[in-house]
Amino acid sequence: MARGIYLVFSKPVSPDREDEYNEWYDKEHIPYCMNIPGWTGFTRYRQVDLGGSEPDPLGGRQFLSIYDFEAPSLKDPLNAAKAEAAKGNIVMSDALEMDPRPFSVLYEPY
């Protein structure tokens, strides 16, 4: 079995919809994803402002979700999620900023 982590950086469409964004993420999106084969765990984080003047490489995507994967192939859980989305079973909230889209990356142990 392959193990890995899938990182997703995202943000709400506006600060006044942050509660709605977090409620959708925690109560709808995460529980649904955790029922997809290969998705074994998750942790969510909020970015801490360090007060620097460096450019923001994440484009304001201040929330990070880390999903744990374990499957025969690390792409299997993502492909299963894409299939669920194509069937209309994974629905994105309109409180989730989609322009720019969430940034995601998949890692395997080194």
C-alpha atoms as a PDB file:
ATOM      1  CA  MET A   1       0.000   0.000   0.000  1.00  0.00           C
ATOM      2  CA  ALA A   2       1.167   3.492  -0.815  1.00  0.00           C
ATOM      3  CA  ARG A   3       0.896   6.229   1.818  1.00  0.00           C
ATOM      4  CA  GLY A   4       0.844   9.935   1.221  1.00  0.00           C
ATOM      5  CA  ILE A   5      -0.629  13.297   2.080  1.00  0.00           C
ATOM      6  CA  TYR A   6      -2.742  15.577  -0.064  1.00  0.00           C
ATOM      7  CA  LEU A   7      -2.480  19.270   0.777  1.00  0.00           C
ATOM      8  CA  VAL A   8      -5.220  21.692  -0.230  1.00  0.00           C
ATOM      9  CA  PHE A   9      -4.824  25.451   0.260  1.00  0.00           C
ATOM     10  CA  SER A  10      -8.098  27.357   0.020  1.00  0.00           C
ATOM     11  CA  LYS A  11     -10.044  30.360   1.265  1.00  0.00           C
ATOM     12  CA  PRO A  12     -13.602  31.646   1.548  1.00  0.00           C
ATOM     13  CA  VAL A  13     -14.937  33.991  -1.145  1.00  0.00           C
ATOM     14  CA  SER A  14     -15.006  36.822   1.391  1.00  0.00           C
ATOM     15  CA  PRO A  15     -14.226  37.326   5.085  1.00  0.00           C
ATOM     16  CA  ASP A  16     -17.932  37.698   5.912  1.00  0.00           C
ATOM     17  CA  ARG A  17     -18.576  34.160   4.566  1.00  0.00           C
ATOM     18  CA  GLU A  18     -15.760  32.488   6.507  1.00  0.00           C
ATOM     19  CA  ASP A  19     -18.135  30.844   9.012  1.00  0.00           C
ATOM     20  CA  GLU A  20     -20.232  29.413   6.168  1.00  0.00           C
ATOM     21  CA  TYR A  21     -17.068  28.188   4.398  1.00  0.00           C
ATOM     22  CA  ASN A  22     -15.791  26.462   7.559  1.00  0.00           C
ATOM     23  CA  GLU A  23     -19.172  24.909   8.341  1.00  0.00           C
ATOM     24  CA  TRP A  24     -19.432  23.456   4.821  1.00  0.00           C
ATOM     25  CA  TYR A  25     -15.840  22.210   4.956  1.00  0.00           C
ATOM     26  CA  ASP A  26     -16.127  20.595   8.394  1.00  0.00           C
ATOM     27  CA  LYS A  27     -19.703  19.280   8.263  1.00  0.00           C
ATOM     28  CA  GLU A  28     -20.185  18.357   4.599  1.00  0.00           C
ATOM     29  CA  HIS A  29     -16.988  18.143   2.580  1.00  0.00           C
ATOM     30  CA  ILE A  30     -14.639  16.395   5.015  1.00  0.00           C
ATOM     31  CA  PRO A  31     -17.167  13.769   6.182  1.00  0.00           C
ATOM     32  CA  TYR A  32     -18.026  12.914   2.569  1.00  0.00           C
ATOM     33  CA  CYS A  33     -14.378  12.629   1.534  1.00  0.00           C
ATOM     34  CA  MET A  34     -13.581  10.414   4.519  1.00  0.00           C
ATOM     35  CA  ASN A  35     -16.030   7.843   3.102  1.00  0.00           C
ATOM     36  CA  ILE A  36     -14.052   7.577  -0.150  1.00  0.00           C
ATOM     37  CA  PRO A  37     -11.728   4.545  -0.210  1.00  0.00           C
ATOM     38  CA  GLY A  38      -8.130   5.521   0.485  1.00  0.00           C
ATOM     39  CA  TRP A  39      -8.911   8.770   2.365  1.00  0.00           C
ATOM     40  CA  THR A  40      -7.830   7.831   5.898  1.00  0.00           C
ATOM     41  CA  GLY A  41      -7.606  11.068   7.895  1.00  0.00           C
ATOM     42  CA  PHE A  42      -7.413  14.825   7.805  1.00  0.00           C
ATOM     43  CA  THR A  43      -6.306  17.906   9.700  1.00  0.00           C
ATOM     44  CA  ARG A  44      -7.200  21.536   8.977  1.00  0.00           C
ATOM     45  CA  TYR A  45      -5.079  24.591   9.717  1.00  0.00           C
ATOM     46  CA  ARG A  46      -5.387  28.357   9.481  1.00  0.00           C
ATOM     47  CA  GLN A  47      -2.390  30.455   8.456  1.00  0.00           C
ATOM     48  CA  VAL A  48      -0.752  32.600  11.131  1.00  0.00           C
ATOM     49  CA  ASP A  49       0.208  36.102  10.039  1.00  0.00           C
ATOM     50  CA  LEU A  50       3.908  36.597  10.781  1.00  0.00           C
ATOM     51  CA  GLY A  51       3.712  40.305  10.022  1.00  0.00           C
ATOM     52  CA  GLY A  52       6.332  40.185   7.265  1.00  0.00           C
ATOM     53  CA  SER A  53       6.332  42.144   4.056  1.00  0.00           C
ATOM     54  CA  GLU A  54       7.116  39.165   1.797  1.00  0.00           C
ATOM     55  CA  PRO A  55       4.712  38.451  -1.095  1.00  0.00           C
ATOM     56  CA  ASP A  56       2.026  35.865  -0.361  1.00  0.00           C
ATOM     57  CA  PRO A  57       2.901  32.779  -2.472  1.00  0.00           C
ATOM     58  CA  LEU A  58      -0.514  31.227  -1.733  1.00  0.00           C
ATOM     59  CA  GLY A  59      -2.622  34.102  -3.050  1.00  0.00           C
ATOM     60  CA  GLY A  60      -4.485  34.599   0.213  1.00  0.00           C
ATOM     61  CA  ARG A  61      -5.416  30.921   0.580  1.00  0.00           C
ATOM     62  CA  GLN A  62      -5.106  31.028   4.359  1.00  0.00           C
ATOM     63  CA  PHE A  63      -6.625  27.599   5.097  1.00  0.00           C
ATOM     64  CA  LEU A  64      -4.760  24.319   4.716  1.00  0.00           C
ATOM     65  CA  SER A  65      -6.361  20.878   4.740  1.00  0.00           C
ATOM     66  CA  ILE A  66      -4.076  17.877   4.977  1.00  0.00           C
ATOM     67  CA  TYR A  67      -5.661  14.604   3.916  1.00  0.00           C
ATOM     68  CA  ASP A  68      -3.965  11.284   4.688  1.00  0.00           C
ATOM     69  CA  PHE A  69      -4.077   8.685   1.916  1.00  0.00           C
ATOM     70  CA  GLU A  70      -3.377   4.968   1.920  1.00  0.00           C
ATOM     71  CA  ALA A  71      -4.186   3.012  -1.216  1.00  0.00           C
ATOM     72  CA  PRO A  72      -2.623   0.679  -3.806  1.00  0.00           C
ATOM     73  CA  SER A  73      -1.800   3.840  -5.797  1.00  0.00           C
ATOM     74  CA  LEU A  74      -1.769   7.351  -4.353  1.00  0.00           C
ATOM     75  CA  LYS A  75      -3.792   8.539  -7.331  1.00  0.00           C
ATOM     76  CA  ASP A  76      -6.640   6.099  -6.521  1.00  0.00           C
ATOM     77  CA  PRO A  77      -8.256   8.266  -3.794  1.00  0.00           C
ATOM     78  CA  LEU A  78      -8.120  11.349  -6.023  1.00  0.00           C
ATOM     79  CA  ASN A  79      -9.561   9.466  -8.991  1.00  0.00           C
ATOM     80  CA  ALA A  80     -12.365   8.157  -6.780  1.00  0.00           C
ATOM     81  CA  ALA A  81     -13.111  11.707  -5.604  1.00  0.00           C
ATOM     82  CA  LYS A  82     -13.173  12.959  -9.201  1.00  0.00           C
ATOM     83  CA  ALA A  83     -15.640  10.189 -10.084  1.00  0.00           C
ATOM     84  CA  GLU A  84     -17.857  11.184  -7.138  1.00  0.00           C
ATOM     85  CA  ALA A  85     -17.731  14.823  -8.225  1.00  0.00           C
ATOM     86  CA  ALA A  86     -18.648  13.859 -11.796  1.00  0.00           C
ATOM     87  CA  LYS A  87     -21.715  12.038 -10.424  1.00  0.00           C
ATOM     88  CA  GLY A  88     -22.662  15.177  -8.487  1.00  0.00           C
ATOM     89  CA  ASN A  89     -21.986  13.607  -5.099  1.00  0.00           C
ATOM     90  CA  ILE A  90     -19.248  16.051  -4.108  1.00  0.00           C
ATOM     91  CA  VAL A  91     -20.690  19.541  -4.175  1.00  0.00           C
ATOM     92  CA  MET A  92     -18.561  22.607  -3.611  1.00  0.00           C
ATOM     93  CA  SER A  93     -19.986  25.440  -1.540  1.00  0.00           C
ATOM     94  CA  ASP A  94     -20.370  28.838  -3.156  1.00  0.00           C
ATOM     95  CA  ALA A  95     -18.596  30.149  -0.025  1.00  0.00           C
ATOM     96  CA  LEU A  96     -15.387  28.505  -1.337  1.00  0.00           C
ATOM     97  CA  GLU A  97     -13.258  30.798  -3.511  1.00  0.00           C
ATOM     98  CA  MET A  98     -12.873  29.239  -6.970  1.00  0.00           C
ATOM     99  CA  ASP A  99     -11.100  32.145  -8.717  1.00  0.00           C
ATOM    100  CA  PRO A 100      -8.339  31.520  -8.012  1.00  0.00           C
ATOM    101  CA  ARG A 101      -9.060  27.841  -7.451  1.00  0.00           C
ATOM    102  CA  PRO A 102      -7.784  26.055  -4.350  1.00  0.00           C
ATOM    103  CA  PHE A 103      -4.165  24.958  -4.761  1.00  0.00           C
ATOM    104  CA  SER A 104      -3.418  21.291  -4.107  1.00  0.00           C
ATOM    105  CA  VAL A 105      -0.419  18.984  -4.137  1.00  0.00           C
ATOM    106  CA  LEU A 106       0.114  15.289  -3.380  1.00  0.00           C
ATOM    107  CA  TYR A 107       3.174  14.038  -1.483  1.00  0.00           C
ATOM    108  CA  GLU A 108       4.577  10.579  -0.818  1.00  0.00           C
ATOM    109  CA  PRO A 109       7.118   9.649   1.863  1.00  0.00           C
ATOM    110  CA  TYR A 110      10.690  10.355   0.896  1.00  0.00           C
END
